[in-house]
Amino acid sequence: MGNYDKRLIPVMIAILIVAFAGGSWYAKGSQKHTNNEELILLTENEELNNIDIEEVASEIVVFVNGAVVNPGIYKLPEGSRLYEAIDKAGGILAEADAKNAPMARIIEDEETIYIPFVGEETELSAINIGANTSSTSGKVNINKANAAELGTLNGIGPALSQRIIDYRASNGAFKDISEIKNVSGIGEKKYEAIKDYISVK
């Protein structure tokens, strides 16, 4: 019986060695699998972050005003056309004069789009209002300028700049530079200080 037990000892040792080796291999395999999963998740997260950045970078903001259903500020994908901005604003009104509007034109970031009413005496339309806020004379176009650009005028701070933009949104484009005096806070004295530096075209 003793000899029989002694013969079993090497067999048992061999079994233990095999079991230990198998456990180590499985542990290494599991760790490798876990590392691969972590790498895949990290790569996917980086790709999602890149997509988010690209989406933010490819977005434009425009102001649609005039004879549209819902005038306001809208976000659109970069490369959008004029008709898409008008659709965002609910479409044109029945009394809109949009026959000359280039609906297929690609619009730009920070652009003001104005759709005139029938019979309205203005040279401003969806055709010629763009992202450029300065006239050919170098003056600040008060129908296109944003708050920062209006703020470059003498005596026009952030509050007044916003009032000009709000007035423009509620009443449409200025037809004459003197109409800026209708904005609360801009009296004759302030108008005299800026009139040579502003335009409506």
Protein backbone atom coordinates (compact mmCIF):
# COMPACT_ATOMS: atom_id res chain seq x y z
CA MET A 1 0.00 0.00 0.00
CA GLY A 2 2.88 2.35 0.80
CA ASN A 3 4.53 1.73 -2.56
CA TYR A 4 1.21 2.39 -4.33
CA ASP A 5 0.86 5.74 -2.56
CA LYS A 6 4.41 6.70 -3.48
CA ARG A 7 3.68 6.02 -7.16
CA LEU A 8 0.72 8.42 -7.03
CA ILE A 9 2.80 11.30 -5.73
CA PRO A 10 4.45 12.19 -9.10
CA VAL A 11 1.08 11.95 -10.83
CA MET A 12 -0.52 14.32 -8.34
CA ILE A 13 2.39 16.75 -8.67
CA ALA A 14 2.02 16.69 -12.47
CA ILE A 15 -1.72 17.38 -12.17
CA LEU A 16 -1.06 20.34 -9.88
CA ILE A 17 1.56 21.77 -12.27
CA VAL A 18 -0.83 21.49 -15.22
CA ALA A 19 -3.65 23.08 -13.22
CA PHE A 20 -1.42 25.95 -12.12
CA ALA A 21 -0.14 26.55 -15.65
CA GLY A 22 -3.67 26.50 -17.02
CA GLY A 23 -4.84 29.00 -14.42
CA SER A 24 -1.98 31.36 -15.20
CA TRP A 25 -2.69 31.15 -18.94
CA TYR A 26 -6.39 31.87 -18.37
CA ALA A 27 -5.59 34.84 -16.12
CA LYS A 28 -3.22 36.30 -18.72
CA GLY A 29 -5.78 35.73 -21.46
CA SER A 30 -8.51 37.44 -19.42
CA GLN A 31 -6.24 40.40 -18.68
CA LYS A 32 -5.34 40.72 -22.36
CA HIS A 33 -9.02 40.57 -23.29
CA THR A 34 -9.83 43.26 -20.71
CA ASN A 35 -7.02 45.48 -22.01
CA ASN A 36 -8.33 45.07 -25.56
CA GLU A 37 -11.84 46.04 -24.47
CA GLU A 38 -10.50 49.12 -22.67
CA LEU A 39 -8.53 50.11 -25.77
CA ILE A 40 -11.62 49.72 -27.97
CA LEU A 41 -13.74 51.81 -25.59
CA LEU A 42 -11.04 54.51 -25.43
CA THR A 43 -10.85 54.63 -29.24
CA GLU A 44 -14.64 54.86 -29.53
CA ASN A 45 -14.76 57.70 -27.00
CA GLU A 46 -12.07 59.61 -28.90
CA GLU A 47 -14.04 59.15 -32.13
CA LEU A 48 -17.23 60.43 -30.47
CA ASN A 49 -15.37 63.46 -29.11
CA ASN A 50 -14.00 64.20 -32.56
CA ILE A 51 -17.50 63.96 -34.03
CA ASP A 52 -18.85 66.37 -31.40
CA ILE A 53 -16.09 68.89 -32.17
CA GLU A 54 -16.72 68.62 -35.90
CA GLU A 55 -20.46 69.11 -35.43
CA VAL A 56 -19.94 72.26 -33.34
CA ALA A 57 -17.40 73.66 -35.78
CA SER A 58 -19.71 73.07 -38.79
CA GLU A 59 -22.68 75.02 -37.41
CA ILE A 60 -23.61 78.58 -38.41
CA VAL A 61 -25.95 81.13 -36.80
CA VAL A 62 -28.05 83.55 -38.87
CA PHE A 63 -30.71 86.19 -38.20
CA VAL A 64 -33.82 85.88 -40.40
CA ASN A 65 -36.02 88.99 -40.40
CA GLY A 66 -38.67 90.80 -42.41
CA ALA A 67 -41.63 89.12 -44.12
CA VAL A 68 -41.24 85.67 -42.57
CA VAL A 69 -43.54 83.79 -40.20
CA ASN A 70 -41.17 83.63 -37.23
CA PRO A 71 -38.32 86.19 -37.40
CA GLY A 72 -35.41 85.27 -35.19
CA ILE A 73 -31.95 83.76 -34.78
CA TYR A 74 -31.46 80.24 -36.11
CA LYS A 75 -28.71 77.62 -36.18
CA LEU A 76 -28.09 75.69 -39.40
CA PRO A 77 -25.40 73.36 -40.76
CA GLU A 78 -22.53 75.06 -42.53
CA GLY A 79 -23.20 75.22 -46.27
CA SER A 80 -26.96 75.71 -45.87
CA ARG A 81 -28.89 77.57 -48.57
CA LEU A 82 -31.07 80.65 -48.25
CA TYR A 83 -34.31 78.69 -48.65
CA GLU A 84 -33.34 76.47 -45.70
CA ALA A 85 -32.91 79.48 -43.42
CA ILE A 86 -36.30 80.82 -44.52
CA ASP A 87 -37.87 77.40 -43.86
CA LYS A 88 -36.38 77.49 -40.35
CA ALA A 89 -38.20 80.79 -39.82
CA GLY A 90 -41.51 79.21 -40.82
CA GLY A 91 -41.45 80.32 -44.45
CA ILE A 92 -42.37 83.64 -46.06
CA LEU A 93 -45.59 85.56 -45.50
CA ALA A 94 -48.19 86.05 -48.23
CA GLU A 95 -47.24 89.72 -48.44
CA ALA A 96 -43.51 89.00 -48.86
CA ASP A 97 -41.66 90.23 -51.92
CA ALA A 98 -39.24 87.35 -52.45
CA LYS A 99 -39.32 87.13 -56.23
CA ASN A 100 -35.71 88.29 -56.54
CA ALA A 101 -34.35 86.33 -53.58
CA PRO A 102 -31.61 83.87 -54.65
CA MET A 103 -33.01 80.87 -52.76
CA ALA A 104 -30.10 78.61 -53.76
CA ARG A 105 -27.44 80.98 -52.38
CA ILE A 106 -25.15 79.53 -49.69
CA ILE A 107 -25.50 81.59 -46.53
CA GLU A 108 -22.71 82.54 -44.13
CA ASP A 109 -22.21 82.58 -40.37
CA GLU A 110 -23.50 85.73 -38.57
CA GLU A 111 -25.48 86.73 -41.66
CA THR A 112 -28.65 88.83 -41.48
CA ILE A 113 -31.31 87.75 -43.97
CA TYR A 114 -34.05 90.29 -44.61
CA ILE A 115 -37.10 89.42 -46.73
CA PRO A 116 -38.87 92.65 -47.78
CA PHE A 117 -42.62 93.17 -47.90
CA VAL A 118 -44.43 93.92 -51.17
CA GLY A 119 -44.20 97.63 -51.90
CA GLU A 120 -41.54 98.22 -49.26
CA GLU A 121 -39.12 100.92 -50.34
CA THR A 122 -35.78 99.48 -49.34
CA GLU A 123 -32.69 98.31 -51.08
CA LEU A 124 -32.14 95.75 -48.37
CA SER A 125 -33.21 92.25 -49.28
CA ALA A 126 -32.13 88.65 -49.05
CA ILE A 127 -30.01 89.37 -52.10
CA ASN A 128 -27.64 91.92 -50.62
CA ILE A 129 -27.60 91.36 -46.87
CA GLY A 130 -24.63 89.21 -45.99
CA ALA A 131 -22.06 88.58 -43.31
CA ASN A 132 -20.08 91.68 -44.27
CA THR A 133 -21.16 94.43 -41.88
CA SER A 134 -19.16 97.30 -43.33
CA SER A 135 -20.16 99.34 -46.35
CA THR A 136 -17.78 100.08 -49.20
CA SER A 137 -17.06 103.44 -47.53
CA GLY A 138 -15.77 101.68 -44.42
CA LYS A 139 -18.71 102.81 -42.29
CA VAL A 140 -20.55 100.49 -39.89
CA ASN A 141 -23.72 99.21 -41.53
CA ILE A 142 -26.31 99.47 -38.75
CA ASN A 143 -28.57 97.00 -40.57
CA LYS A 144 -25.96 94.23 -40.51
CA ALA A 145 -23.56 94.93 -37.65
CA ASN A 146 -23.48 92.68 -34.60
CA ALA A 147 -23.10 93.94 -31.02
CA ALA A 148 -19.29 93.93 -31.12
CA GLU A 149 -19.17 95.95 -34.35
CA LEU A 150 -21.77 98.45 -33.14
CA GLY A 151 -19.67 98.81 -30.01
CA THR A 152 -16.82 100.29 -32.06
CA LEU A 153 -18.90 103.45 -32.53
CA ASN A 154 -18.18 106.36 -30.19
CA GLY A 155 -20.50 106.26 -27.17
CA ILE A 156 -22.16 102.95 -28.10
CA GLY A 157 -21.62 100.38 -25.37
CA PRO A 158 -22.94 96.81 -25.00
CA ALA A 159 -26.38 97.92 -23.74
CA LEU A 160 -26.97 100.37 -26.61
CA SER A 161 -25.63 97.87 -29.13
CA GLN A 162 -28.21 95.35 -27.98
CA ARG A 163 -31.00 97.95 -28.12
CA ILE A 164 -30.10 98.71 -31.74
CA ILE A 165 -30.23 95.00 -32.59
CA ASP A 166 -33.55 94.59 -30.73
CA TYR A 167 -35.03 97.61 -32.51
CA ARG A 168 -33.89 96.20 -35.85
CA ALA A 169 -35.48 92.84 -35.05
CA SER A 170 -38.82 94.40 -34.07
CA ASN A 171 -39.10 97.13 -36.73
CA GLY A 172 -37.09 95.84 -39.66
CA ALA A 173 -34.14 97.45 -41.36
CA PHE A 174 -33.27 101.11 -40.90
CA LYS A 175 -34.16 103.00 -44.09
CA ASP A 176 -32.16 106.08 -43.11
CA ILE A 177 -29.34 106.56 -40.62
CA SER A 178 -31.39 109.18 -38.73
CA GLU A 179 -33.84 106.44 -37.71
CA ILE A 180 -31.28 105.22 -35.22
CA LYS A 181 -32.46 108.10 -33.02
CA ASN A 182 -35.64 106.07 -32.48
CA VAL A 183 -33.57 103.68 -30.37
CA SER A 184 -33.88 104.43 -26.66
CA GLY A 185 -30.71 106.11 -25.40
CA ILE A 186 -29.62 107.63 -28.71
CA GLY A 187 -30.43 111.32 -28.74
CA GLU A 188 -29.40 114.15 -31.04
CA LYS A 189 -26.00 114.61 -29.41
CA LYS A 190 -25.02 110.94 -29.67
CA TYR A 191 -26.39 110.79 -33.21
CA GLU A 192 -24.22 113.75 -34.25
CA ALA A 193 -21.18 111.92 -32.87
CA ILE A 194 -21.77 108.76 -34.92
CA LYS A 195 -23.68 109.84 -38.04
CA ASP A 196 -20.54 110.17 -40.16
CA TYR A 197 -19.49 106.63 -39.28
CA ILE A 198 -22.70 104.69 -39.97
CA SER A 199 -24.66 103.64 -43.03
CA VAL A 200 -27.74 101.61 -43.95
CA LYS A 201 -26.31 100.14 -47.18
